[in-house]
C-alpha atoms as a PDB file:
ATOM      1  CA  MET A   1      -9.834 114.008 185.540  1.00  0.00           C
ATOM      2  CA  LYS A   2      -7.221 112.530 187.904  1.00  0.00           C
ATOM      3  CA  THR A   3      -5.501 109.283 186.959  1.00  0.00           C
ATOM      4  CA  VAL A   4      -5.040 106.421 189.438  1.00  0.00           C
ATOM      5  CA  LEU A   5      -2.607 103.575 188.690  1.00  0.00           C
ATOM      6  CA  VAL A   6      -3.810 100.359 190.391  1.00  0.00           C
ATOM      7  CA  PHE A   7      -1.423  97.428 190.955  1.00  0.00           C
ATOM      8  CA  GLU A   8      -3.757  95.454 193.225  1.00  0.00           C
ATOM      9  CA  ALA A   9      -5.431  92.414 191.661  1.00  0.00           C
ATOM     10  CA  LEU A  10      -9.125  93.107 191.024  1.00  0.00           C
ATOM     11  CA  LYS A  11     -11.797  91.062 189.293  1.00  0.00           C
ATOM     12  CA  GLU A  12     -13.561  92.675 186.348  1.00  0.00           C
ATOM     13  CA  GLU A  13     -16.729  93.248 188.358  1.00  0.00           C
ATOM     14  CA  ASP A  14     -14.701  94.925 191.132  1.00  0.00           C
ATOM     15  CA  ARG A  15     -13.095  97.230 188.594  1.00  0.00           C
ATOM     16  CA  ARG A  16     -16.500  98.237 187.252  1.00  0.00           C
ATOM     17  CA  ALA A  17     -17.769  98.922 190.747  1.00  0.00           C
ATOM     18  CA  LEU A  18     -14.704 101.054 191.546  1.00  0.00           C
ATOM     19  CA  GLU A  19     -15.068 103.059 188.356  1.00  0.00           C
ATOM     20  CA  GLN A  20     -18.759 103.577 189.030  1.00  0.00           C
ATOM     21  CA  GLU A  21     -18.128 104.702 192.617  1.00  0.00           C
ATOM     22  CA  PHE A  22     -15.407 107.164 191.638  1.00  0.00           C
ATOM     23  CA  GLY A  23     -16.672 108.739 188.435  1.00  0.00           C
ATOM     24  CA  GLY A  24     -14.231 111.625 188.787  1.00  0.00           C
ATOM     25  CA  LEU A  25     -11.179 109.374 188.611  1.00  0.00           C
ATOM     26  CA  HIS A  26      -9.573 107.585 185.675  1.00  0.00           C
ATOM     27  CA  PHE A  27      -8.308 104.108 186.612  1.00  0.00           C
ATOM     28  CA  VAL A  28      -5.444 102.379 184.821  1.00  0.00           C
ATOM     29  CA  TYR A  29      -4.586  98.828 185.926  1.00  0.00           C
ATOM     30  CA  GLY A  30      -1.236  97.121 186.086  1.00  0.00           C
ATOM     31  CA  ASP A  31      -2.202  94.485 183.516  1.00  0.00           C
ATOM     32  CA  ASN A  32      -2.640  97.217 180.924  1.00  0.00           C
ATOM     33  CA  PRO A  33       0.595  97.022 178.870  1.00  0.00           C
ATOM     34  CA  ASN A  34       0.444 100.796 178.301  1.00  0.00           C
ATOM     35  CA  TRP A  35       0.332 101.766 181.998  1.00  0.00           C
ATOM     36  CA  PRO A  36       3.892 103.249 182.046  1.00  0.00           C
ATOM     37  CA  GLY A  37       2.640 105.963 179.707  1.00  0.00           C
ATOM     38  CA  TYR A  38       0.408 107.263 182.491  1.00  0.00           C
ATOM     39  CA  LEU A  39       3.165 107.730 185.105  1.00  0.00           C
ATOM     40  CA  ASP A  40       3.686 111.438 184.400  1.00  0.00           C
ATOM     41  CA  THR A  41      -0.010 112.199 184.794  1.00  0.00           C
ATOM     42  CA  ALA A  42      -0.808 109.800 187.666  1.00  0.00           C
ATOM     43  CA  SER A  43      -2.281 111.475 190.783  1.00  0.00           C
ATOM     44  CA  ALA A  44      -2.211 108.279 192.836  1.00  0.00           C
ATOM     45  CA  ILE A  45      -0.570 104.843 192.833  1.00  0.00           C
ATOM     46  CA  VAL A  46      -2.382 102.013 194.623  1.00  0.00           C
ATOM     47  CA  GLY A  47      -0.324  98.945 195.355  1.00  0.00           C
ATOM     48  CA  PHE A  48       3.306  98.242 194.566  1.00  0.00           C
ATOM     49  CA  LEU A  49       4.739 100.029 191.568  1.00  0.00           C
ATOM     50  CA  PRO A  50       7.087  97.534 189.846  1.00  0.00           C
ATOM     51  CA  GLU A  51      10.609  97.766 191.264  1.00  0.00           C
ATOM     52  CA  GLU A  52      12.246  98.964 188.030  1.00  0.00           C
ATOM     53  CA  TYR A  53      10.088 102.105 188.032  1.00  0.00           C
ATOM     54  CA  ARG A  54      10.311 103.064 191.707  1.00  0.00           C
ATOM     55  CA  PHE A  55      13.321 105.307 191.203  1.00  0.00           C
ATOM     56  CA  LEU A  56      10.958 107.673 189.339  1.00  0.00           C
ATOM     57  CA  LEU A  57       8.551 108.181 192.246  1.00  0.00           C
ATOM     58  CA  LYS A  58      10.066 111.409 193.567  1.00  0.00           C
ATOM     59  CA  SER A  59      10.042 112.982 190.121  1.00  0.00           C
ATOM     60  CA  LEU A  60       6.463 112.224 189.085  1.00  0.00           C
ATOM     61  CA  PRO A  61       4.956 115.726 188.714  1.00  0.00           C
ATOM     62  CA  ALA A  62       1.257 114.988 189.379  1.00  0.00           C
ATOM     63  CA  LEU A  63       1.626 112.411 192.140  1.00  0.00           C
ATOM     64  CA  GLU A  64      -0.456 113.213 195.247  1.00  0.00           C
ATOM     65  CA  LEU A  65      -0.594 109.809 196.972  1.00  0.00           C
ATOM     66  CA  VAL A  66       1.132 106.445 197.115  1.00  0.00           C
ATOM     67  CA  GLN A  67      -1.117 103.905 198.825  1.00  0.00           C
ATOM     68  CA  LEU A  68       0.669 100.778 200.038  1.00  0.00           C
ATOM     69  CA  PRO A  69      -1.334  97.556 200.443  1.00  0.00           C
ATOM     70  CA  PHE A  70       0.494  96.475 203.637  1.00  0.00           C
ATOM     71  CA  ALA A  71       1.047  97.823 207.111  1.00  0.00           C
ATOM     72  CA  GLY A  72       4.822  97.735 206.728  1.00  0.00           C
ATOM     73  CA  TYR A  73       6.420 100.648 204.928  1.00  0.00           C
ATOM     74  CA  GLU A  74      10.138 100.363 205.605  1.00  0.00           C
ATOM     75  CA  GLY A  75      12.217 101.744 202.737  1.00  0.00           C
ATOM     76  CA  TRP A  76       9.311 103.695 201.241  1.00  0.00           C
ATOM     77  CA  PRO A  77       9.278 107.139 202.892  1.00  0.00           C
ATOM     78  CA  GLU A  78      12.643 108.042 201.325  1.00  0.00           C
ATOM     79  CA  ARG A  79      11.375 107.055 197.880  1.00  0.00           C
ATOM     80  CA  VAL A  80       8.497 109.544 197.703  1.00  0.00           C
ATOM     81  CA  ALA A  81       7.878 113.273 198.090  1.00  0.00           C
ATOM     82  CA  CYS A  82       4.084 113.009 198.262  1.00  0.00           C
ATOM     83  CA  PRO A  83       1.945 111.542 201.083  1.00  0.00           C
ATOM     84  CA  LEU A  84       2.532 107.830 201.668  1.00  0.00           C
ATOM     85  CA  ALA A  85      -0.315 105.755 203.170  1.00  0.00           C
ATOM     86  CA  ASN A  86      -0.150 102.267 204.583  1.00  0.00           C
ATOM     87  CA  ALA A  87      -2.944  99.785 205.314  1.00  0.00           C
ATOM     88  CA  SER A  88      -2.577  99.339 209.052  1.00  0.00           C
ATOM     89  CA  GLY A  89      -5.750  97.919 210.544  1.00  0.00           C
ATOM     90  CA  SER A  90      -6.427  95.505 207.703  1.00  0.00           C
ATOM     91  CA  PHE A  91      -4.468  92.501 208.944  1.00  0.00           C
ATOM     92  CA  GLY A  92      -4.930  92.174 212.690  1.00  0.00           C
ATOM     93  CA  LEU A  93      -7.880  89.756 212.497  1.00  0.00           C
ATOM     94  CA  ALA A  94      -6.226  87.342 210.082  1.00  0.00           C
ATOM     95  CA  ILE A  95      -2.898  87.312 211.903  1.00  0.00           C
ATOM     96  CA  SER A  96      -4.496  86.992 215.321  1.00  0.00           C
ATOM     97  CA  GLU A  97      -6.447  83.908 214.269  1.00  0.00           C
ATOM     98  CA  TYR A  98      -3.355  82.486 212.560  1.00  0.00           C
ATOM     99  CA  LEU A  99      -1.399  82.826 215.824  1.00  0.00           C
ATOM    100  CA  ILE A 100      -4.092  81.233 217.939  1.00  0.00           C
ATOM    101  CA  SER A 101      -4.424  78.267 215.573  1.00  0.00           C
ATOM    102  CA  ALA A 102      -0.642  77.805 215.444  1.00  0.00           C
ATOM    103  CA  ILE A 103      -0.288  77.954 219.235  1.00  0.00           C
ATOM    104  CA  LEU A 104      -3.037  75.369 219.620  1.00  0.00           C
ATOM    105  CA  PHE A 105      -1.245  73.237 216.999  1.00  0.00           C
ATOM    106  CA  PHE A 106       1.463  72.793 219.626  1.00  0.00           C
ATOM    107  CA  TYR A 107      -0.674  72.881 222.767  1.00  0.00           C
ATOM    108  CA  ARG A 108      -3.281  70.337 221.606  1.00  0.00           C
ATOM    109  CA  ARG A 109      -0.657  68.018 220.038  1.00  0.00           C
ATOM    110  CA  TYR A 110      -2.083  68.166 216.532  1.00  0.00           C
ATOM    111  CA  PRO A 111       1.075  66.673 214.950  1.00  0.00           C
ATOM    112  CA  PHE A 112       0.574  63.546 217.062  1.00  0.00           C
ATOM    113  CA  LEU A 113      -3.070  63.338 216.014  1.00  0.00           C
ATOM    114  CA  LEU A 114      -2.282  63.884 212.339  1.00  0.00           C
ATOM    115  CA  GLU A 115       0.324  61.135 212.479  1.00  0.00           C
ATOM    116  CA  ASN A 116      -2.247  58.785 213.984  1.00  0.00           C
ATOM    117  CA  ARG A 117      -4.648  59.685 211.199  1.00  0.00           C
ATOM    118  CA  LYS A 118      -2.007  58.834 208.614  1.00  0.00           C
ATOM    119  CA  LYS A 119      -1.542  55.430 210.261  1.00  0.00           C
ATOM    120  CA  LYS A 120      -5.337  55.026 210.643  1.00  0.00           C
ATOM    121  CA  GLU A 121      -4.688  54.432 214.300  1.00  0.00           C
ATOM    122  CA  TRP A 122      -7.404  55.148 216.892  1.00  0.00           C
ATOM    123  CA  ASN A 123      -5.022  56.104 219.666  1.00  0.00           C
ATOM    124  CA  ARG A 124      -6.626  58.077 222.494  1.00  0.00           C
ATOM    125  CA  ASN A 125      -3.427  58.182 224.584  1.00  0.00           C
ATOM    126  CA  ILE A 126      -2.732  61.803 223.689  1.00  0.00           C
ATOM    127  CA  GLY A 127      -0.864  62.572 226.886  1.00  0.00           C
ATOM    128  CA  THR A 128      -0.883  65.982 228.566  1.00  0.00           C
ATOM    129  CA  ILE A 129      -2.152  68.884 226.489  1.00  0.00           C
ATOM    130  CA  ASP A 130      -1.953  72.599 227.204  1.00  0.00           C
ATOM    131  CA  SER A 131      -4.164  75.678 227.117  1.00  0.00           C
ATOM    132  CA  ILE A 132      -3.889  79.385 226.339  1.00  0.00           C
ATOM    133  CA  TYR A 133      -5.866  79.945 229.539  1.00  0.00           C
ATOM    134  CA  GLY A 134      -3.636  81.195 232.314  1.00  0.00           C
ATOM    135  CA  LYS A 135      -0.605  81.732 230.077  1.00  0.00           C
ATOM    136  CA  THR A 136       1.507  84.900 230.184  1.00  0.00           C
ATOM    137  CA  ILE A 137       1.921  86.160 226.642  1.00  0.00           C
ATOM    138  CA  LEU A 138       4.503  88.782 225.776  1.00  0.00           C
ATOM    139  CA  VAL A 139       3.813  90.729 222.605  1.00  0.00           C
ATOM    140  CA  LEU A 140       6.545  92.816 221.015  1.00  0.00           C
ATOM    141  CA  GLY A 141       4.659  95.653 219.350  1.00  0.00           C
ATOM    142  CA  CYS A 142       1.340  97.141 220.422  1.00  0.00           C
ATOM    143  CA  GLY A 143      -0.032  98.290 217.057  1.00  0.00           C
ATOM    144  CA  ASP A 144      -2.977  96.768 215.202  1.00  0.00           C
ATOM    145  CA  LEU A 145      -1.400  93.280 214.954  1.00  0.00           C
ATOM    146  CA  GLY A 146      -0.276  93.108 218.563  1.00  0.00           C
ATOM    147  CA  SER A 147      -3.369  94.651 220.133  1.00  0.00           C
ATOM    148  CA  THR A 148      -5.836  92.555 218.090  1.00  0.00           C
ATOM    149  CA  PHE A 149      -4.025  89.396 219.101  1.00  0.00           C
ATOM    150  CA  ALA A 150      -3.817  90.553 222.733  1.00  0.00           C
ATOM    151  CA  ARG A 151      -7.582  91.176 222.872  1.00  0.00           C
ATOM    152  CA  SER A 152      -8.254  87.726 221.428  1.00  0.00           C
ATOM    153  CA  VAL A 153      -6.026  85.758 223.816  1.00  0.00           C
ATOM    154  CA  LYS A 154      -7.117  87.843 226.795  1.00  0.00           C
ATOM    155  CA  ALA A 155     -10.662  86.694 226.043  1.00  0.00           C
ATOM    156  CA  LEU A 156      -9.318  83.146 226.324  1.00  0.00           C
ATOM    157  CA  GLY A 157      -7.913  83.838 229.781  1.00  0.00           C
ATOM    158  CA  ALA A 158      -4.309  84.803 229.048  1.00  0.00           C
ATOM    159  CA  HIS A 159      -2.318  87.495 230.864  1.00  0.00           C
ATOM    160  CA  THR A 160      -1.029  89.924 228.246  1.00  0.00           C
ATOM    161  CA  ILE A 161       2.077  92.112 228.317  1.00  0.00           C
ATOM    162  CA  GLY A 162       2.940  94.465 225.483  1.00  0.00           C
ATOM    163  CA  LEU A 163       6.253  96.148 224.743  1.00  0.00           C
ATOM    164  CA  ALA A 164       6.429  99.284 222.652  1.00  0.00           C
ATOM    165  CA  ARG A 165       8.445 102.491 222.275  1.00  0.00           C
ATOM    166  CA  ARG A 166       6.540 104.153 225.117  1.00  0.00           C
ATOM    167  CA  ARG A 167       4.236 103.234 227.958  1.00  0.00           C
ATOM    168  CA  ARG A 168       0.554 103.812 227.295  1.00  0.00           C
ATOM    169  CA  THR A 169      -2.828 102.175 227.750  1.00  0.00           C
ATOM    170  CA  VAL A 170      -3.686  99.799 224.879  1.00  0.00           C
ATOM    171  CA  PRO A 171      -6.913  97.752 224.839  1.00  0.00           C
ATOM    172  CA  GLY A 172      -6.199  94.053 225.257  1.00  0.00           C
ATOM    173  CA  PHE A 173      -3.018  94.457 227.293  1.00  0.00           C
ATOM    174  CA  ASP A 174      -2.803  94.071 231.071  1.00  0.00           C
ATOM    175  CA  VAL A 175       0.554  95.842 231.013  1.00  0.00           C
ATOM    176  CA  VAL A 176       2.338  97.959 228.400  1.00  0.00           C
ATOM    177  CA  ASP A 177       5.996  98.737 229.006  1.00  0.00           C
ATOM    178  CA  THR A 178       8.918  99.905 226.894  1.00  0.00           C
ATOM    179  CA  LEU A 179      11.071  97.658 224.701  1.00  0.00           C
ATOM    180  CA  ASP A 180      14.177  98.473 226.728  1.00  0.00           C
ATOM    181  CA  HIS A 181      12.632  96.411 229.568  1.00  0.00           C
ATOM    182  CA  LEU A 182      12.515  93.285 227.394  1.00  0.00           C
ATOM    183  CA  HIS A 183      14.835  91.305 229.665  1.00  0.00           C
ATOM    184  CA  ARG A 184      12.497  91.824 232.611  1.00  0.00           C
ATOM    185  CA  TYR A 185       9.609  90.031 230.941  1.00  0.00           C
ATOM    186  CA  LEU A 186      11.220  87.222 228.934  1.00  0.00           C
ATOM    187  CA  PRO A 187      11.621  84.882 231.948  1.00  0.00           C
ATOM    188  CA  LEU A 188       7.951  85.433 232.898  1.00  0.00           C
ATOM    189  CA  SER A 189       6.457  84.621 229.533  1.00  0.00           C
ATOM    190  CA  ASP A 190       5.028  81.345 228.236  1.00  0.00           C
ATOM    191  CA  ILE A 191       4.669  82.725 224.698  1.00  0.00           C
ATOM    192  CA  VAL A 192       6.679  85.525 223.045  1.00  0.00           C
ATOM    193  CA  VAL A 193       5.209  87.027 219.890  1.00  0.00           C
ATOM    194  CA  GLY A 194       6.949  89.408 217.500  1.00  0.00           C
ATOM    195  CA  THR A 195       4.690  91.844 215.620  1.00  0.00           C
ATOM    196  CA  LEU A 196       7.182  94.657 215.162  1.00  0.00           C
ATOM    197  CA  PRO A 197       7.879  96.427 211.878  1.00  0.00           C
ATOM    198  CA  SER A 198      11.418  96.525 210.530  1.00  0.00           C
ATOM    199  CA  SER A 199      13.547  99.466 211.657  1.00  0.00           C
ATOM    200  CA  PRO A 200      17.119 100.062 212.791  1.00  0.00           C
ATOM    201  CA  ALA A 201      15.881  99.755 216.383  1.00  0.00           C
ATOM    202  CA  THR A 202      14.263  96.353 215.867  1.00  0.00           C
ATOM    203  CA  HIS A 203      16.880  94.795 213.569  1.00  0.00           C
ATOM    204  CA  HIS A 204      18.136  91.633 215.348  1.00  0.00           C
ATOM    205  CA  LEU A 205      16.488  92.847 218.519  1.00  0.00           C
ATOM    206  CA  LEU A 206      16.306  89.284 219.908  1.00  0.00           C
ATOM    207  CA  THR A 207      19.623  87.575 220.515  1.00  0.00           C
ATOM    208  CA  LEU A 208      20.711  84.093 221.513  1.00  0.00           C
ATOM    209  CA  ASP A 209      21.007  85.344 225.109  1.00  0.00           C
ATOM    210  CA  ASP A 210      17.387  86.535 225.018  1.00  0.00           C
ATOM    211  CA  PHE A 211      16.205  83.041 224.088  1.00  0.00           C
ATOM    212  CA  SER A 212      18.278  81.714 227.003  1.00  0.00           C
ATOM    213  CA  ARG A 213      16.227  83.940 229.299  1.00  0.00           C
ATOM    214  CA  MET A 214      12.953  82.385 228.137  1.00  0.00           C
ATOM    215  CA  LYS A 215      11.300  79.447 229.843  1.00  0.00           C
ATOM    216  CA  PRO A 216      12.420  76.054 228.474  1.00  0.00           C
ATOM    217  CA  ASP A 217       8.806  75.296 227.505  1.00  0.00           C
ATOM    218  CA  ALA A 218       8.163  78.725 225.931  1.00  0.00           C
ATOM    219  CA  LEU A 219       6.903  79.232 222.402  1.00  0.00           C
ATOM    220  CA  PHE A 220       8.255  81.950 220.129  1.00  0.00           C
ATOM    221  CA  ALA A 221       6.197  83.318 217.210  1.00  0.00           C
ATOM    222  CA  ASN A 222       7.130  85.922 214.616  1.00  0.00           C
ATOM    223  CA  VAL A 223       4.539  87.509 212.344  1.00  0.00           C
ATOM    224  CA  GLY A 224       6.048  91.001 212.072  1.00  0.00           C
ATOM    225  CA  ARG A 225       9.307  91.251 210.186  1.00  0.00           C
ATOM    226  CA  GLY A 226      11.863  88.507 209.770  1.00  0.00           C
ATOM    227  CA  ASP A 227      14.879  90.595 210.715  1.00  0.00           C
ATOM    228  CA  LEU A 228      13.708  90.758 214.334  1.00  0.00           C
ATOM    229  CA  VAL A 229      15.965  87.679 214.789  1.00  0.00           C
ATOM    230  CA  ALA A 230      18.950  86.539 212.787  1.00  0.00           C
ATOM    231  CA  LEU A 231      18.286  83.235 211.015  1.00  0.00           C
ATOM    232  CA  ASP A 232      21.371  81.603 212.486  1.00  0.00           C
ATOM    233  CA  VAL A 233      20.138  82.512 215.983  1.00  0.00           C
ATOM    234  CA  LEU A 234      16.827  80.695 215.367  1.00  0.00           C
ATOM    235  CA  GLU A 235      18.756  77.671 214.107  1.00  0.00           C
ATOM    236  CA  LYS A 236      20.998  77.608 217.180  1.00  0.00           C
ATOM    237  CA  VAL A 237      18.060  78.039 219.581  1.00  0.00           C
ATOM    238  CA  MET A 238      16.271  74.989 218.192  1.00  0.00           C
ATOM    239  CA  ALA A 239      19.459  72.899 217.800  1.00  0.00           C
ATOM    240  CA  GLN A 240      20.240  73.545 221.457  1.00  0.00           C
ATOM    241  CA  HIS A 241      16.618  72.907 222.516  1.00  0.00           C
ATOM    242  CA  ARG A 242      16.469  76.203 224.428  1.00  0.00           C
ATOM    243  CA  ILE A 243      12.692  76.580 224.016  1.00  0.00           C
ATOM    244  CA  ARG A 244       9.741  74.328 223.254  1.00  0.00           C
ATOM    245  CA  GLY A 245       9.026  75.487 219.730  1.00  0.00           C
ATOM    246  CA  MET A 246       8.653  78.252 217.148  1.00  0.00           C
ATOM    247  CA  ILE A 247       5.940  79.632 214.883  1.00  0.00           C
ATOM    248  CA  LEU A 248       7.550  81.388 211.916  1.00  0.00           C
ATOM    249  CA  ASP A 249       5.546  83.150 209.269  1.00  0.00           C
ATOM    250  CA  VAL A 250       8.403  85.555 208.519  1.00  0.00           C
ATOM    251  CA  CYS A 251      12.136  84.921 208.378  1.00  0.00           C
ATOM    252  CA  GLU A 252      15.229  87.026 207.791  1.00  0.00           C
ATOM    253  CA  ILE A 253      15.754  85.266 204.474  1.00  0.00           C
ATOM    254  CA  GLU A 254      12.674  84.670 202.343  1.00  0.00           C
ATOM    255  CA  PRO A 255      12.059  82.235 200.829  1.00  0.00           C
ATOM    256  CA  LEU A 256      13.575  80.205 203.643  1.00  0.00           C
ATOM    257  CA  PRO A 257      16.473  78.218 202.072  1.00  0.00           C
ATOM    258  CA  ALA A 258      15.711  74.559 201.441  1.00  0.00           C
ATOM    259  CA  ASP A 259      18.800  73.513 203.362  1.00  0.00           C
ATOM    260  CA  CYS A 260      17.797  75.411 206.498  1.00  0.00           C
ATOM    261  CA  PRO A 261      17.622  72.911 209.387  1.00  0.00           C
ATOM    262  CA  LEU A 262      14.442  74.535 210.702  1.00  0.00           C
ATOM    263  CA  TRP A 263      12.494  72.776 207.942  1.00  0.00           C
ATOM    264  CA  GLU A 264      13.394  69.422 209.483  1.00  0.00           C
ATOM    265  CA  ASP A 265      12.538  70.367 213.063  1.00  0.00           C
ATOM    266  CA  GLU A 266       9.105  69.051 214.080  1.00  0.00           C
ATOM    267  CA  ASN A 267       8.946  71.729 216.775  1.00  0.00           C
ATOM    268  CA  VAL A 268       9.027  74.549 214.251  1.00  0.00           C
ATOM    269  CA  PHE A 269       5.804  75.534 212.490  1.00  0.00           C
ATOM    270  CA  ILE A 270       6.757  77.333 209.232  1.00  0.00           C
ATOM    271  CA  THR A 271       4.454  79.155 206.821  1.00  0.00           C
ATOM    272  CA  PRO A 272       5.488  81.263 203.787  1.00  0.00           C
ATOM    273  CA  HIS A 273       4.555  84.792 204.957  1.00  0.00           C
ATOM    274  CA  ILE A 274       0.844  84.237 204.489  1.00  0.00           C
ATOM    275  CA  SER A 275      -0.614  84.931 207.959  1.00  0.00           C
ATOM    276  CA  GLY A 276      -2.006  88.313 206.903  1.00  0.00           C
ATOM    277  CA  ASP A 277      -2.477  88.064 203.169  1.00  0.00           C
ATOM    278  CA  GLU A 278      -5.687  88.724 201.268  1.00  0.00           C
ATOM    279  CA  SER A 279      -6.750  85.068 201.131  1.00  0.00           C
ATOM    280  CA  LEU A 280      -9.107  85.966 203.982  1.00  0.00           C
ATOM    281  CA  PRO A 281     -11.900  87.996 202.352  1.00  0.00           C
ATOM    282  CA  GLU A 282     -12.344  90.176 205.437  1.00  0.00           C
ATOM    283  CA  THR A 283      -8.723  91.281 205.130  1.00  0.00           C
ATOM    284  CA  LYS A 284      -9.282  92.424 201.549  1.00  0.00           C
ATOM    285  CA  LYS A 285     -12.497  94.161 202.581  1.00  0.00           C
ATOM    286  CA  ARG A 286     -10.684  96.130 205.316  1.00  0.00           C
ATOM    287  CA  LEU A 287      -7.826  96.977 202.963  1.00  0.00           C
ATOM    288  CA  TRP A 288     -10.182  98.362 200.352  1.00  0.00           C
ATOM    289  CA  GLN A 289     -12.079 100.374 202.943  1.00  0.00           C
ATOM    290  CA  ILE A 290      -8.836 102.268 203.542  1.00  0.00           C
ATOM    291  CA  ILE A 291      -8.099 102.577 199.834  1.00  0.00           C
ATOM    292  CA  ARG A 292     -11.615 103.826 199.076  1.00  0.00           C
ATOM    293  CA  THR A 293     -11.414 106.432 201.842  1.00  0.00           C
ATOM    294  CA  ASN A 294      -8.232 107.799 200.328  1.00  0.00           C
ATOM    295  CA  LEU A 295      -9.602 107.686 196.792  1.00  0.00           C
ATOM    296  CA  HIS A 296     -12.547 109.756 198.021  1.00  0.00           C
ATOM    297  CA  ALA A 297     -10.101 112.205 199.586  1.00  0.00           C
ATOM    298  CA  LEU A 298      -8.166 112.391 196.337  1.00  0.00           C
ATOM    299  CA  GLU A 299     -11.361 113.053 194.384  1.00  0.00           C
ATOM    300  CA  GLN A 300     -12.630 115.700 196.799  1.00  0.00           C
ATOM    301  CA  GLY A 301      -9.346 117.317 197.761  1.00  0.00           C
ATOM    302  CA  GLU A 302      -9.657 116.225 201.399  1.00  0.00           C
ATOM    303  CA  PRO A 303      -6.931 114.968 203.837  1.00  0.00           C
ATOM    304  CA  PHE A 304      -5.752 111.404 203.417  1.00  0.00           C
ATOM    305  CA  ILE A 305      -5.741 108.809 206.199  1.00  0.00           C
ATOM    306  CA  HIS A 306      -2.978 106.411 207.346  1.00  0.00           C
ATOM    307  CA  ILE A 307      -0.189 108.738 206.232  1.00  0.00           C
ATOM    308  CA  VAL A 308       3.154 107.446 207.524  1.00  0.00           C
ATOM    309  CA  ASN A 309       5.626 110.036 206.225  1.00  0.00           C
ATOM    310  CA  ARG A 310       6.215 113.755 206.335  1.00  0.00           C
ATOM    311  CA  PRO A 311       5.456 114.636 202.730  1.00  0.00           C
ATOM    312  CA  GLN A 312       7.240 117.440 200.958  1.00  0.00           C
ATOM    313  CA  SER A 313       3.955 118.318 199.217  1.00  0.00           C
ATOM    314  CA  ASP A 314       1.061 120.096 200.920  1.00  0.00           C
ATOM    315  CA  ARG A 315      -1.439 117.238 200.762  1.00  0.00           C
ATOM    316  CA  SER A 316      -1.636 114.975 203.849  1.00  0.00           C
END
C-alpha cells in the first residue's frame, strides 16, 4: 500500500471521506507527531513539507509525486526529482472577485461612504464615481488568474489586453501581446493588473519609469508575486502621486513592514496575501479536485496532471 503524507488542513470527516475514497492508499497527516518516520516510504506529499525537511526531497526513494497547494512553484523544481504538480485553476475565481471588489472600492468611493457611516452622517453628496464599463484593463499574465479576471471584467464592458511570453488567443482578452511590448500599452490603460508568477524574467519587471508612463488616474493592482515591483518603487510612486491608487495583495516583503508609508496612504488598498486563499469554499473544492485526480493517478499508476517540471523519474 502506498503512503501519502498530507500537510493540508482537513477536518476529521474530510479525512474519513478521503480514506474511504482511496482505499489503496495509506494517509499520514502532518499533525501526526510520527509523520517524519514515513518519509522514506512516502509515495506522495500533498501540501508543503516543513522547511527543515525539504532538503531530503531529492533523496526520498519511494517518492512519485509532490503536489503543491498553490499555483506558484518557484524554487520547487530544483528541489525534487519526481513529478511536481501545482494547483493552477483553483484560484482564478476568488482572485477575480477580489480584484473587482477592490477596484469598485476606489471607483464607487467606498472610503468616503464608510467615513460617513462612522460619523452617522447621511451625506448624499458623493461626487463623481467611476465604472469598470468602458475601461481599458491591462493584465500582465494570461494564465488562470489573468484570464478568469479578464472574462469577468469583459462581461462588465471593459476592453481587455493581456501580456504574456507569446502571442496567442486567450478567452476573455481582446488582445494578447508579448511582455516586451509593455511600454506600448501602459499609456493606454486605466487599470494595470499583475498576475505573473515569480521568475528571473518578471523580477522587478515594473520600474519607476513604467509607472510614469501610466495615466495619472490609473489604478495598479498586484495579485501575482510581490517581486514584480520593488517595494521602494511602490513607495515613490505613491509619494509622488504618479497614479490614482494601488491594490496590493502581495508585496516584495511580506509581512509588509509596519513602518512602510503605504500603510498610511488612503489611496492604497492593502490585504495580507489572502485574495486566493482557501477561505472561499469553492477554492478549496477546486484545489481538492486536482489533488484527488492525482491521488487516483497514483493509486492506478496513471499519468499525473498539472506537472510543472521535467522529472528525472519516469512518472509524469
